N, C-alpha and C. Protein backbone atom coordinates (compact mmCIF):
# COMPACT_ATOMS: atom_id res chain seq x y z
N UNK A 1 18.40 -7.98 16.82
CA UNK A 1 18.76 -6.80 16.05
C UNK A 1 18.21 -6.88 14.63
N UNK A 2 18.28 -8.05 14.01
CA UNK A 2 17.78 -8.20 12.64
C UNK A 2 16.28 -7.95 12.59
N UNK A 3 15.58 -8.40 13.63
CA UNK A 3 14.14 -8.22 13.68
C UNK A 3 13.80 -6.73 13.75
N UNK A 4 14.53 -5.98 14.51
CA UNK A 4 14.30 -4.54 14.65
C UNK A 4 14.52 -3.83 13.33
N UNK A 5 15.57 -4.20 12.62
CA UNK A 5 15.83 -3.58 11.32
C UNK A 5 14.72 -3.91 10.33
N UNK A 6 14.19 -5.10 10.41
CA UNK A 6 13.09 -5.49 9.53
C UNK A 6 11.85 -4.64 9.80
N UNK A 7 11.53 -4.43 11.07
CA UNK A 7 10.38 -3.61 11.43
C UNK A 7 10.59 -2.17 10.98
N UNK A 8 11.78 -1.65 11.16
CA UNK A 8 12.08 -0.28 10.72
C UNK A 8 11.94 -0.17 9.21
N UNK A 9 12.43 -1.15 8.47
CA UNK A 9 12.31 -1.13 7.01
C UNK A 9 10.85 -1.18 6.58
N UNK A 10 10.05 -2.02 7.23
CA UNK A 10 8.62 -2.10 6.91
C UNK A 10 7.93 -0.76 7.19
N UNK A 11 8.22 -0.15 8.33
CA UNK A 11 7.60 1.12 8.66
C UNK A 11 8.03 2.22 7.69
N UNK A 12 9.28 2.19 7.28
CA UNK A 12 9.79 3.19 6.33
C UNK A 12 9.09 3.05 4.98
N UNK A 13 8.98 1.84 4.46
CA UNK A 13 8.32 1.66 3.17
C UNK A 13 6.83 1.97 3.27
N UNK A 14 6.21 1.67 4.39
CA UNK A 14 4.81 2.03 4.59
C UNK A 14 4.65 3.54 4.58
N UNK A 15 5.52 4.24 5.28
CA UNK A 15 5.46 5.70 5.31
C UNK A 15 5.65 6.29 3.92
N UNK A 16 6.61 5.77 3.15
CA UNK A 16 6.82 6.26 1.79
C UNK A 16 5.59 6.06 0.92
N UNK A 17 4.99 4.89 1.00
CA UNK A 17 3.80 4.61 0.19
C UNK A 17 2.65 5.53 0.58
N UNK A 18 2.50 5.80 1.87
CA UNK A 18 1.41 6.68 2.31
C UNK A 18 1.67 8.13 1.94
N UNK A 19 2.93 8.56 1.91
CA UNK A 19 3.25 9.91 1.44
C UNK A 19 2.92 10.04 -0.04
N UNK A 20 3.26 9.03 -0.83
CA UNK A 20 2.93 9.04 -2.25
C UNK A 20 1.41 9.06 -2.44
N UNK A 21 0.70 8.27 -1.65
CA UNK A 21 -0.76 8.26 -1.73
C UNK A 21 -1.33 9.63 -1.40
N UNK A 22 -0.78 10.27 -0.40
CA UNK A 22 -1.24 11.61 -0.02
C UNK A 22 -1.01 12.60 -1.15
N UNK A 23 0.17 12.53 -1.76
CA UNK A 23 0.48 13.45 -2.87
C UNK A 23 -0.44 13.18 -4.06
N UNK A 24 -0.75 11.93 -4.33
CA UNK A 24 -1.68 11.60 -5.41
C UNK A 24 -3.07 12.16 -5.11
N UNK A 25 -3.47 12.09 -3.86
CA UNK A 25 -4.78 12.64 -3.48
C UNK A 25 -4.79 14.16 -3.63
N UNK A 26 -3.70 14.80 -3.26
CA UNK A 26 -3.60 16.26 -3.46
C UNK A 26 -3.69 16.60 -4.94
N UNK A 27 -3.06 15.77 -5.78
CA UNK A 27 -3.16 15.97 -7.22
C UNK A 27 -4.60 15.83 -7.71
N UNK A 28 -5.31 14.87 -7.14
CA UNK A 28 -6.73 14.70 -7.48
C UNK A 28 -7.52 15.95 -7.09
N UNK A 29 -7.27 16.47 -5.91
CA UNK A 29 -7.99 17.65 -5.46
C UNK A 29 -7.71 18.86 -6.36
N UNK A 30 -6.48 18.99 -6.82
CA UNK A 30 -6.11 20.13 -7.67
C UNK A 30 -6.69 20.01 -9.07
N UNK A 31 -6.60 18.81 -9.64
CA UNK A 31 -6.94 18.64 -11.05
C UNK A 31 -8.27 17.94 -11.29
N UNK A 32 -8.79 17.26 -10.29
CA UNK A 32 -10.08 16.59 -10.42
C UNK A 32 -10.04 15.36 -11.32
N UNK A 33 -8.88 14.84 -11.61
CA UNK A 33 -8.75 13.65 -12.45
C UNK A 33 -9.08 12.43 -11.61
N UNK A 34 -10.17 11.76 -11.96
CA UNK A 34 -10.65 10.64 -11.15
C UNK A 34 -9.63 9.50 -11.09
N UNK A 35 -8.85 9.33 -12.12
CA UNK A 35 -7.88 8.24 -12.13
C UNK A 35 -6.83 8.40 -11.03
N UNK A 36 -6.59 9.62 -10.58
CA UNK A 36 -5.66 9.82 -9.47
C UNK A 36 -6.19 9.20 -8.18
N UNK A 37 -7.49 9.05 -8.08
CA UNK A 37 -8.04 8.36 -6.90
C UNK A 37 -7.63 6.89 -6.90
N UNK A 38 -7.54 6.27 -8.08
CA UNK A 38 -7.09 4.89 -8.16
C UNK A 38 -5.60 4.78 -7.81
N UNK A 39 -4.83 5.78 -8.19
CA UNK A 39 -3.42 5.80 -7.80
C UNK A 39 -3.31 5.95 -6.29
N UNK A 40 -4.13 6.84 -5.73
CA UNK A 40 -4.15 7.03 -4.27
C UNK A 40 -4.49 5.73 -3.56
N UNK A 41 -5.55 5.09 -4.01
CA UNK A 41 -5.97 3.82 -3.40
C UNK A 41 -4.87 2.77 -3.54
N UNK A 42 -4.25 2.72 -4.70
CA UNK A 42 -3.21 1.73 -4.94
C UNK A 42 -2.03 1.87 -3.99
N UNK A 43 -1.52 3.08 -3.87
CA UNK A 43 -0.37 3.27 -2.98
C UNK A 43 -0.76 3.12 -1.52
N UNK A 44 -1.98 3.49 -1.17
CA UNK A 44 -2.42 3.27 0.22
C UNK A 44 -2.47 1.78 0.53
N UNK A 45 -2.98 0.98 -0.41
CA UNK A 45 -3.04 -0.47 -0.19
C UNK A 45 -1.64 -1.08 -0.14
N UNK A 46 -0.77 -0.61 -1.00
CA UNK A 46 0.61 -1.13 -0.99
C UNK A 46 1.27 -0.83 0.35
N UNK A 47 1.10 0.38 0.82
CA UNK A 47 1.69 0.75 2.11
C UNK A 47 1.08 -0.01 3.27
N UNK A 48 -0.21 -0.15 3.25
CA UNK A 48 -0.88 -0.84 4.35
C UNK A 48 -0.67 -2.35 4.30
N UNK A 49 -0.38 -2.88 3.12
CA UNK A 49 -0.11 -4.32 3.01
C UNK A 49 1.07 -4.75 3.86
N UNK A 50 2.14 -3.99 3.78
CA UNK A 50 3.32 -4.30 4.58
C UNK A 50 3.07 -4.14 6.07
N UNK A 51 2.35 -3.11 6.42
CA UNK A 51 2.02 -2.89 7.82
C UNK A 51 1.10 -3.99 8.34
N UNK A 52 0.15 -4.39 7.51
CA UNK A 52 -0.78 -5.45 7.89
C UNK A 52 -0.06 -6.76 8.18
N UNK A 53 0.95 -7.05 7.38
CA UNK A 53 1.72 -8.27 7.60
C UNK A 53 2.33 -8.29 9.00
N UNK A 54 2.94 -7.18 9.38
CA UNK A 54 3.54 -7.10 10.71
C UNK A 54 2.53 -7.22 11.83
N UNK A 55 1.39 -6.57 11.66
CA UNK A 55 0.35 -6.62 12.70
C UNK A 55 -0.20 -8.03 12.83
N UNK A 56 -0.47 -8.67 11.69
CA UNK A 56 -0.99 -10.04 11.75
C UNK A 56 0.00 -10.98 12.43
N UNK A 57 1.28 -10.84 12.08
CA UNK A 57 2.28 -11.75 12.60
C UNK A 57 2.63 -11.45 14.05
N UNK A 58 2.90 -10.19 14.36
CA UNK A 58 3.38 -9.83 15.70
C UNK A 58 2.27 -9.73 16.73
N UNK A 59 1.17 -9.12 16.37
CA UNK A 59 0.12 -8.83 17.35
C UNK A 59 -0.90 -9.97 17.42
N UNK A 60 -1.37 -10.42 16.27
CA UNK A 60 -2.42 -11.43 16.25
C UNK A 60 -1.89 -12.87 16.20
N UNK A 61 -0.56 -13.01 16.16
CA UNK A 61 0.10 -14.33 16.20
C UNK A 61 -0.34 -15.26 15.06
N UNK A 62 -0.58 -14.68 13.88
CA UNK A 62 -0.89 -15.47 12.70
C UNK A 62 0.44 -16.01 12.16
N UNK A 63 0.42 -17.16 11.52
CA UNK A 63 1.67 -17.71 10.98
C UNK A 63 2.26 -16.76 9.95
N UNK A 64 3.57 -16.82 9.78
CA UNK A 64 4.25 -15.92 8.84
C UNK A 64 3.77 -16.17 7.41
N UNK A 65 3.44 -17.42 7.09
CA UNK A 65 2.91 -17.72 5.76
C UNK A 65 1.58 -17.04 5.53
N UNK A 66 0.66 -17.17 6.48
CA UNK A 66 -0.66 -16.57 6.34
C UNK A 66 -0.58 -15.05 6.33
N UNK A 67 0.25 -14.49 7.20
CA UNK A 67 0.41 -13.03 7.24
C UNK A 67 0.99 -12.52 5.93
N UNK A 68 1.98 -13.22 5.42
CA UNK A 68 2.59 -12.83 4.15
C UNK A 68 1.62 -12.98 2.99
N UNK A 69 0.80 -14.02 3.04
CA UNK A 69 -0.17 -14.24 1.97
C UNK A 69 -1.21 -13.13 1.94
N UNK A 70 -1.73 -12.76 3.10
CA UNK A 70 -2.71 -11.67 3.17
C UNK A 70 -2.07 -10.36 2.71
N UNK A 71 -0.86 -10.10 3.16
CA UNK A 71 -0.16 -8.88 2.75
C UNK A 71 0.06 -8.85 1.24
N UNK A 72 0.41 -10.00 0.67
CA UNK A 72 0.62 -10.08 -0.78
C UNK A 72 -0.68 -9.81 -1.53
N UNK A 73 -1.80 -10.31 -1.02
CA UNK A 73 -3.09 -10.05 -1.67
C UNK A 73 -3.45 -8.56 -1.62
N UNK A 74 -3.23 -7.93 -0.48
CA UNK A 74 -3.54 -6.51 -0.34
C UNK A 74 -2.62 -5.68 -1.25
N UNK A 75 -1.35 -6.03 -1.28
CA UNK A 75 -0.39 -5.33 -2.14
C UNK A 75 -0.74 -5.52 -3.61
N UNK A 76 -1.12 -6.73 -3.98
CA UNK A 76 -1.52 -6.98 -5.37
C UNK A 76 -2.76 -6.17 -5.74
N UNK A 77 -3.70 -6.05 -4.83
CA UNK A 77 -4.89 -5.22 -5.10
C UNK A 77 -4.48 -3.77 -5.33
N UNK A 78 -3.51 -3.29 -4.56
CA UNK A 78 -3.01 -1.93 -4.76
C UNK A 78 -2.36 -1.77 -6.12
N UNK A 79 -1.58 -2.75 -6.51
CA UNK A 79 -0.93 -2.68 -7.82
C UNK A 79 -1.95 -2.74 -8.95
N UNK A 80 -2.99 -3.54 -8.79
CA UNK A 80 -4.05 -3.59 -9.79
C UNK A 80 -4.76 -2.23 -9.91
N UNK A 81 -4.94 -1.57 -8.79
CA UNK A 81 -5.56 -0.25 -8.81
C UNK A 81 -4.70 0.75 -9.59
N UNK A 82 -3.41 0.72 -9.36
CA UNK A 82 -2.50 1.61 -10.09
C UNK A 82 -2.47 1.24 -11.57
N UNK A 83 -2.45 -0.05 -11.85
CA UNK A 83 -2.46 -0.51 -13.24
C UNK A 83 -3.72 -0.05 -13.95
N UNK A 84 -4.84 -0.12 -13.28
CA UNK A 84 -6.09 0.38 -13.87
C UNK A 84 -5.97 1.86 -14.20
N UNK A 85 -5.41 2.63 -13.27
CA UNK A 85 -5.26 4.08 -13.49
C UNK A 85 -4.36 4.36 -14.70
N UNK A 86 -3.40 3.51 -14.94
CA UNK A 86 -2.47 3.73 -16.06
C UNK A 86 -3.10 3.36 -17.40
N UNK A 87 -3.96 2.35 -17.42
CA UNK A 87 -4.50 1.86 -18.68
C UNK A 87 -5.94 2.25 -18.98
N UNK A 88 -6.65 2.76 -18.01
CA UNK A 88 -8.06 3.12 -18.23
C UNK A 88 -8.13 4.37 -19.11
N UNK A 89 -9.15 4.44 -19.95
CA UNK A 89 -9.32 5.67 -20.73
C UNK A 89 -9.66 6.83 -19.83
N UNK A 90 -9.12 7.97 -20.13
CA UNK A 90 -9.37 9.17 -19.32
C UNK A 90 -10.78 9.68 -19.61
N UNK A 91 -11.63 9.75 -18.59
CA UNK A 91 -13.03 10.17 -18.83
C UNK A 91 -13.15 11.62 -19.22
C-alpha cells in the first residue's frame, strides 16, 4: 500500500510540474518573452525528474541510489533553468 501511495504522489507532482510548464509555454506564445522558455524547460525537467526516477527503479531495475541520483541531477538542471530565467537580463 505504501508503494502505491508513493507512485501516486510521484505521478501527481509530475502532472503538476507539466501543467505549470504548459502554462509557461502558453505565456511565451502570448508574450514572446524568451525567458519563459527557460521556465518551461525548468518545470518540464523537474516534472520528468521524478518520473524518470520511478522508471529507472521500477522498469529498468536500477538501484534506488542510482535512480535517485539521476533524478536529482535532472531536477537540479530544471531548477538551474528556472534560476537563469529569474536572474538573466531581459533581452
